[in-house]
Amino acid sequence: MGKEKNPRRVADNEAMAKLRMLRTSPQKLNLVAAMIRGKTVEKATTDLTLSRKRIAQDVKKCLLSAVANAENNHNLDVDELVVAEAYVGKNLVLKRGRPRARGRFSRIQKPFAEITIKVRQVEEQA
């Protein structure tokens, strides 16, 4: 008489991971996400490791989490995984301020972002 199992949010040959509250703007994070879209997991991991962008290490952690989900939860072959989707969303914005000249006050916005990475298993063409 228990609850029914939730339906999967992704297809049978896919797995995903989501990373929230990344302390960077979504625009900067999207540059890193665009760097790995459509690539194999090995190539994407190498690109993120060698990237000079600060947020690339967090994106790499999310990618490795998606690979681990695919391997452990969905029994997919790690060697045949490609990054199917990598999309970015906005999260909260901290509002801070700074006193300026002539009694004025300027606003400083410190945005947060989130990233979702889906990996898909594709059979290699021989």
N, C-alpha and C. Protein backbone atom coordinates (compact mmCIF):
# COMPACT_ATOMS: atom_id res chain seq x y z
N MET A 1 0.83 -1.19 0.00
CA MET A 1 0.00 0.00 0.00
C MET A 1 0.87 1.25 0.00
N GLY A 2 2.15 1.10 -0.35
CA GLY A 2 3.05 2.25 -0.36
C GLY A 2 2.81 3.14 -1.56
N LYS A 3 3.61 4.19 -1.62
CA LYS A 3 3.50 5.12 -2.74
C LYS A 3 4.09 4.51 -3.99
N GLU A 4 3.59 4.96 -5.14
CA GLU A 4 4.16 4.51 -6.40
C GLU A 4 5.47 5.23 -6.66
N LYS A 5 6.32 4.56 -7.43
CA LYS A 5 7.61 5.12 -7.76
C LYS A 5 7.45 6.33 -8.68
N ASN A 6 8.24 7.36 -8.43
CA ASN A 6 8.17 8.54 -9.28
C ASN A 6 8.69 8.20 -10.67
N PRO A 7 8.08 8.76 -11.71
CA PRO A 7 8.63 8.53 -13.06
C PRO A 7 9.96 9.25 -13.23
N ARG A 8 10.80 8.69 -14.10
CA ARG A 8 12.11 9.31 -14.33
C ARG A 8 11.95 10.61 -15.08
N ARG A 9 12.80 11.58 -14.74
CA ARG A 9 12.76 12.88 -15.41
C ARG A 9 13.53 12.86 -16.72
N VAL A 10 14.38 11.86 -16.89
CA VAL A 10 15.18 11.75 -18.10
C VAL A 10 14.93 10.40 -18.75
N ALA A 11 15.41 10.23 -19.98
CA ALA A 11 15.19 8.97 -20.70
C ALA A 11 15.98 7.83 -20.06
N ASP A 12 15.76 6.63 -20.58
CA ASP A 12 16.42 5.45 -20.01
C ASP A 12 17.92 5.44 -20.25
N ASN A 13 18.38 6.13 -21.31
CA ASN A 13 19.81 6.14 -21.60
C ASN A 13 20.46 7.44 -21.16
N GLU A 14 19.85 8.16 -20.22
CA GLU A 14 20.37 9.44 -19.75
C GLU A 14 20.48 9.46 -18.23
N ALA A 15 21.32 10.36 -17.75
CA ALA A 15 21.42 10.65 -16.32
C ALA A 15 21.73 12.13 -16.19
N MET A 16 21.40 12.70 -15.04
CA MET A 16 21.63 14.13 -14.88
C MET A 16 22.12 14.46 -13.48
N ALA A 17 22.72 15.64 -13.38
CA ALA A 17 23.15 16.18 -12.09
C ALA A 17 22.91 17.68 -12.12
N LYS A 18 22.57 18.24 -10.98
CA LYS A 18 22.28 19.66 -10.89
C LYS A 18 23.10 20.24 -9.74
N LEU A 19 23.67 21.41 -9.98
CA LEU A 19 24.47 22.08 -8.98
C LEU A 19 23.89 23.46 -8.78
N ARG A 20 23.50 23.77 -7.55
CA ARG A 20 22.84 25.04 -7.26
C ARG A 20 23.76 25.94 -6.44
N MET A 21 23.40 27.21 -6.39
CA MET A 21 24.06 28.21 -5.56
C MET A 21 25.54 28.37 -5.91
N LEU A 22 25.84 28.46 -7.20
CA LEU A 22 27.20 28.75 -7.64
C LEU A 22 27.40 30.25 -7.62
N ARG A 23 28.45 30.71 -6.98
CA ARG A 23 28.67 32.15 -6.80
C ARG A 23 29.35 32.75 -8.03
N THR A 24 28.57 32.85 -9.11
CA THR A 24 29.00 33.51 -10.32
C THR A 24 27.76 33.92 -11.09
N SER A 25 27.91 34.77 -12.06
CA SER A 25 26.75 35.20 -12.83
C SER A 25 26.39 34.10 -13.84
N PRO A 26 25.12 33.99 -14.18
CA PRO A 26 24.72 32.98 -15.16
C PRO A 26 25.39 33.18 -16.52
N GLN A 27 25.68 34.41 -16.87
CA GLN A 27 26.31 34.69 -18.16
C GLN A 27 27.73 34.09 -18.21
N LYS A 28 28.48 34.24 -17.13
CA LYS A 28 29.83 33.67 -17.08
C LYS A 28 29.78 32.15 -17.03
N LEU A 29 28.81 31.61 -16.30
CA LEU A 29 28.69 30.16 -16.19
C LEU A 29 28.29 29.55 -17.53
N ASN A 30 27.49 30.27 -18.30
CA ASN A 30 27.05 29.75 -19.59
C ASN A 30 28.21 29.63 -20.57
N LEU A 31 29.23 30.48 -20.43
CA LEU A 31 30.41 30.36 -21.29
C LEU A 31 31.12 29.02 -21.05
N VAL A 32 31.19 28.61 -19.79
CA VAL A 32 31.83 27.33 -19.46
C VAL A 32 30.94 26.17 -19.89
N ALA A 33 29.61 26.32 -19.73
CA ALA A 33 28.70 25.25 -20.13
C ALA A 33 28.72 25.05 -21.64
N ALA A 34 28.86 26.13 -22.39
CA ALA A 34 28.91 26.02 -23.85
C ALA A 34 30.18 25.31 -24.31
N MET A 35 31.20 25.37 -23.48
CA MET A 35 32.48 24.75 -23.81
C MET A 35 32.38 23.22 -23.83
N ILE A 36 31.43 22.63 -23.09
CA ILE A 36 31.38 21.17 -22.96
C ILE A 36 30.18 20.55 -23.66
N ARG A 37 29.24 21.33 -24.16
CA ARG A 37 28.04 20.77 -24.78
C ARG A 37 28.40 19.92 -25.99
N GLY A 38 27.83 18.72 -26.06
CA GLY A 38 28.01 17.85 -27.21
C GLY A 38 29.31 17.06 -27.24
N LYS A 39 30.17 17.26 -26.29
CA LYS A 39 31.46 16.55 -26.29
C LYS A 39 31.34 15.25 -25.50
N THR A 40 32.31 14.36 -25.73
CA THR A 40 32.36 13.16 -24.91
C THR A 40 32.78 13.55 -23.49
N VAL A 41 32.52 12.66 -22.56
CA VAL A 41 32.80 12.97 -21.15
C VAL A 41 34.30 13.14 -20.92
N GLU A 42 35.12 12.31 -21.56
CA GLU A 42 36.57 12.43 -21.36
C GLU A 42 37.08 13.78 -21.87
N LYS A 43 36.62 14.17 -23.07
CA LYS A 43 37.06 15.43 -23.66
C LYS A 43 36.57 16.62 -22.83
N ALA A 44 35.33 16.55 -22.35
CA ALA A 44 34.77 17.63 -21.54
C ALA A 44 35.52 17.76 -20.21
N THR A 45 35.86 16.63 -19.59
CA THR A 45 36.60 16.65 -18.33
C THR A 45 37.98 17.26 -18.52
N THR A 46 38.63 16.90 -19.62
CA THR A 46 39.95 17.46 -19.92
C THR A 46 39.87 18.96 -20.15
N ASP A 47 38.86 19.40 -20.90
CA ASP A 47 38.70 20.83 -21.18
C ASP A 47 38.45 21.62 -19.90
N LEU A 48 37.65 21.05 -19.00
CA LEU A 48 37.36 21.76 -17.75
C LEU A 48 38.58 21.78 -16.84
N THR A 49 39.37 20.72 -16.86
CA THR A 49 40.57 20.69 -16.03
C THR A 49 41.58 21.74 -16.48
N LEU A 50 41.71 21.92 -17.79
CA LEU A 50 42.69 22.85 -18.32
C LEU A 50 42.16 24.27 -18.48
N SER A 51 40.90 24.49 -18.18
CA SER A 51 40.32 25.83 -18.34
C SER A 51 40.85 26.79 -17.28
N ARG A 52 41.00 28.05 -17.65
CA ARG A 52 41.51 29.03 -16.72
C ARG A 52 40.38 29.74 -15.95
N LYS A 53 39.14 29.42 -16.26
CA LYS A 53 38.02 30.05 -15.56
C LYS A 53 37.85 29.43 -14.18
N ARG A 54 37.57 30.27 -13.20
CA ARG A 54 37.47 29.81 -11.81
C ARG A 54 36.33 28.83 -11.62
N ILE A 55 35.21 29.06 -12.28
CA ILE A 55 34.01 28.26 -12.04
C ILE A 55 34.09 26.90 -12.73
N ALA A 56 35.11 26.69 -13.58
CA ALA A 56 35.23 25.44 -14.33
C ALA A 56 35.41 24.24 -13.40
N GLN A 57 36.04 24.43 -12.25
CA GLN A 57 36.23 23.30 -11.33
C GLN A 57 34.90 22.84 -10.74
N ASP A 58 33.98 23.79 -10.47
CA ASP A 58 32.66 23.41 -9.96
C ASP A 58 31.83 22.71 -11.04
N VAL A 59 31.96 23.16 -12.28
CA VAL A 59 31.26 22.52 -13.39
C VAL A 59 31.79 21.11 -13.60
N LYS A 60 33.10 20.93 -13.43
CA LYS A 60 33.70 19.60 -13.55
C LYS A 60 33.16 18.66 -12.47
N LYS A 61 32.99 19.19 -11.26
CA LYS A 61 32.44 18.39 -10.17
C LYS A 61 31.01 17.95 -10.49
N CYS A 62 30.23 18.83 -11.10
CA CYS A 62 28.86 18.49 -11.48
C CYS A 62 28.85 17.45 -12.60
N LEU A 63 29.77 17.58 -13.55
CA LEU A 63 29.86 16.62 -14.64
C LEU A 63 30.23 15.24 -14.12
N LEU A 64 31.19 15.17 -13.20
CA LEU A 64 31.58 13.89 -12.63
C LEU A 64 30.45 13.29 -11.79
N SER A 65 29.64 14.13 -11.19
CA SER A 65 28.48 13.64 -10.45
C SER A 65 27.45 13.03 -11.40
N ALA A 66 27.25 13.66 -12.56
CA ALA A 66 26.33 13.10 -13.55
C ALA A 66 26.83 11.76 -14.08
N VAL A 67 28.14 11.65 -14.27
CA VAL A 67 28.73 10.39 -14.72
C VAL A 67 28.56 9.31 -13.66
N ALA A 68 28.77 9.67 -12.39
CA ALA A 68 28.58 8.71 -11.31
C ALA A 68 27.12 8.27 -11.20
N ASN A 69 26.19 9.20 -11.40
CA ASN A 69 24.77 8.84 -11.40
C ASN A 69 24.46 7.86 -12.52
N ALA A 70 25.04 8.11 -13.69
CA ALA A 70 24.80 7.23 -14.83
C ALA A 70 25.33 5.83 -14.56
N GLU A 71 26.50 5.75 -13.96
CA GLU A 71 27.12 4.45 -13.72
C GLU A 71 26.43 3.69 -12.59
N ASN A 72 26.20 4.36 -11.47
CA ASN A 72 25.71 3.65 -10.28
C ASN A 72 24.20 3.50 -10.24
N ASN A 73 23.46 4.51 -10.68
CA ASN A 73 22.01 4.46 -10.55
C ASN A 73 21.31 3.89 -11.78
N HIS A 74 21.92 4.08 -12.97
CA HIS A 74 21.23 3.70 -14.20
C HIS A 74 21.98 2.66 -15.03
N ASN A 75 23.10 2.16 -14.53
CA ASN A 75 23.88 1.09 -15.17
C ASN A 75 24.25 1.42 -16.62
N LEU A 76 24.71 2.63 -16.86
CA LEU A 76 25.15 3.04 -18.19
C LEU A 76 26.66 2.88 -18.29
N ASP A 77 27.15 2.70 -19.52
CA ASP A 77 28.58 2.52 -19.76
C ASP A 77 29.25 3.90 -19.78
N VAL A 78 30.24 4.09 -18.94
CA VAL A 78 30.90 5.40 -18.79
C VAL A 78 31.65 5.79 -20.06
N ASP A 79 32.20 4.81 -20.77
CA ASP A 79 33.01 5.12 -21.96
C ASP A 79 32.18 5.61 -23.13
N GLU A 80 30.86 5.40 -23.11
CA GLU A 80 30.00 5.80 -24.22
C GLU A 80 29.16 7.02 -23.89
N LEU A 81 29.49 7.77 -22.84
CA LEU A 81 28.68 8.92 -22.45
C LEU A 81 29.13 10.19 -23.16
N VAL A 82 28.15 10.99 -23.56
CA VAL A 82 28.42 12.33 -24.10
C VAL A 82 27.56 13.32 -23.31
N VAL A 83 27.99 14.57 -23.30
CA VAL A 83 27.24 15.62 -22.62
C VAL A 83 26.10 16.02 -23.56
N ALA A 84 24.90 15.55 -23.27
CA ALA A 84 23.75 15.83 -24.13
C ALA A 84 23.27 17.26 -23.95
N GLU A 85 23.15 17.70 -22.72
CA GLU A 85 22.67 19.05 -22.42
C GLU A 85 23.46 19.60 -21.25
N ALA A 86 23.69 20.90 -21.29
CA ALA A 86 24.28 21.62 -20.16
C ALA A 86 23.66 23.00 -20.19
N TYR A 87 22.72 23.24 -19.29
CA TYR A 87 22.07 24.54 -19.31
C TYR A 87 22.14 25.20 -17.95
N VAL A 88 22.02 26.53 -17.99
CA VAL A 88 22.28 27.38 -16.84
C VAL A 88 21.01 28.12 -16.48
N GLY A 89 20.81 28.33 -15.18
CA GLY A 89 19.67 29.11 -14.72
C GLY A 89 20.09 30.11 -13.66
N LYS A 90 19.22 31.09 -13.45
CA LYS A 90 19.49 32.09 -12.42
C LYS A 90 19.08 31.56 -11.06
N ASN A 91 19.73 32.07 -10.04
CA ASN A 91 19.37 31.76 -8.67
C ASN A 91 19.23 33.10 -7.95
N LEU A 92 19.38 33.13 -6.66
CA LEU A 92 19.15 34.38 -5.94
C LEU A 92 20.24 35.40 -6.21
N VAL A 93 19.97 36.65 -5.86
CA VAL A 93 20.92 37.75 -6.03
C VAL A 93 21.05 38.46 -4.69
N LEU A 94 22.27 38.51 -4.17
CA LEU A 94 22.52 39.28 -2.95
C LEU A 94 22.61 40.75 -3.32
N LYS A 95 21.89 41.59 -2.60
CA LYS A 95 21.95 43.01 -2.86
C LYS A 95 22.83 43.67 -1.82
N ARG A 96 23.87 44.29 -2.26
CA ARG A 96 24.78 45.02 -1.39
C ARG A 96 24.89 46.44 -1.89
N GLY A 97 25.55 47.28 -1.14
CA GLY A 97 25.66 48.67 -1.56
C GLY A 97 26.97 49.28 -1.18
N ARG A 98 27.19 50.47 -1.72
CA ARG A 98 28.44 51.18 -1.47
C ARG A 98 28.16 52.66 -1.50
N PRO A 99 28.61 53.39 -0.50
CA PRO A 99 28.42 54.84 -0.52
C PRO A 99 29.23 55.48 -1.64
N ARG A 100 28.64 56.47 -2.28
CA ARG A 100 29.30 57.16 -3.38
C ARG A 100 29.36 58.66 -3.06
N ALA A 101 29.87 59.38 -4.01
CA ALA A 101 30.06 60.82 -3.81
C ALA A 101 28.72 61.54 -3.71
N ARG A 102 28.73 62.68 -3.06
CA ARG A 102 27.58 63.59 -2.93
C ARG A 102 26.38 62.90 -2.27
N GLY A 103 26.66 62.04 -1.30
CA GLY A 103 25.59 61.45 -0.51
C GLY A 103 24.79 60.38 -1.23
N ARG A 104 25.28 59.92 -2.32
CA ARG A 104 24.54 58.90 -3.07
C ARG A 104 24.97 57.51 -2.62
N PHE A 105 24.23 56.54 -3.11
CA PHE A 105 24.46 55.15 -2.72
C PHE A 105 24.27 54.29 -3.96
N SER A 106 25.28 53.50 -4.30
CA SER A 106 25.14 52.66 -5.48
C SER A 106 24.94 51.22 -5.05
N ARG A 107 24.18 50.51 -5.85
CA ARG A 107 23.83 49.14 -5.54
C ARG A 107 24.84 48.20 -6.17
N ILE A 108 25.23 47.16 -5.43
CA ILE A 108 26.09 46.11 -5.95
C ILE A 108 25.29 44.82 -5.88
N GLN A 109 25.18 44.16 -7.02
CA GLN A 109 24.43 42.90 -7.06
C GLN A 109 25.42 41.74 -7.18
N LYS A 110 25.23 40.76 -6.32
CA LYS A 110 26.11 39.59 -6.32
C LYS A 110 25.25 38.38 -6.71
N PRO A 111 25.26 38.02 -8.00
CA PRO A 111 24.35 36.97 -8.46
C PRO A 111 24.87 35.56 -8.19
N PHE A 112 23.92 34.64 -8.09
CA PHE A 112 24.20 33.21 -7.98
C PHE A 112 23.56 32.52 -9.19
N ALA A 113 24.09 31.37 -9.55
CA ALA A 113 23.57 30.64 -10.70
C ALA A 113 23.48 29.16 -10.36
N GLU A 114 22.85 28.40 -11.27
CA GLU A 114 22.78 26.96 -11.13
C GLU A 114 22.98 26.33 -12.49
N ILE A 115 23.50 25.11 -12.51
CA ILE A 115 23.77 24.41 -13.76
C ILE A 115 23.20 23.01 -13.69
N THR A 116 22.65 22.55 -14.82
CA THR A 116 22.13 21.21 -14.94
C THR A 116 22.86 20.54 -16.10
N ILE A 117 23.41 19.37 -15.85
CA ILE A 117 24.15 18.63 -16.89
C ILE A 117 23.48 17.28 -17.07
N LYS A 118 23.14 16.97 -18.34
CA LYS A 118 22.60 15.66 -18.69
C LYS A 118 23.61 14.95 -19.57
N VAL A 119 23.89 13.71 -19.21
CA VAL A 119 24.76 12.88 -20.04
C VAL A 119 23.93 11.76 -20.65
N ARG A 120 24.28 11.40 -21.88
CA ARG A 120 23.52 10.39 -22.62
C ARG A 120 24.48 9.34 -23.15
N GLN A 121 24.03 8.09 -23.11
CA GLN A 121 24.86 6.99 -23.63
C GLN A 121 24.54 6.82 -25.11
N VAL A 122 25.59 6.89 -25.93
CA VAL A 122 25.45 6.66 -27.37
C VAL A 122 26.44 5.57 -27.76
N GLU A 123 26.01 4.70 -28.65
CA GLU A 123 26.91 3.65 -29.11
C GLU A 123 27.89 4.23 -30.10
N GLU A 124 29.15 3.88 -29.93
CA GLU A 124 30.19 4.40 -30.81
C GLU A 124 30.07 3.77 -32.19
N GLN A 125 30.25 4.60 -33.24
CA GLN A 125 30.24 4.07 -34.60
C GLN A 125 31.63 3.53 -34.93
N ALA A 126 31.68 2.30 -35.37
CA ALA A 126 32.98 1.68 -35.67
C ALA A 126 33.35 1.85 -37.13
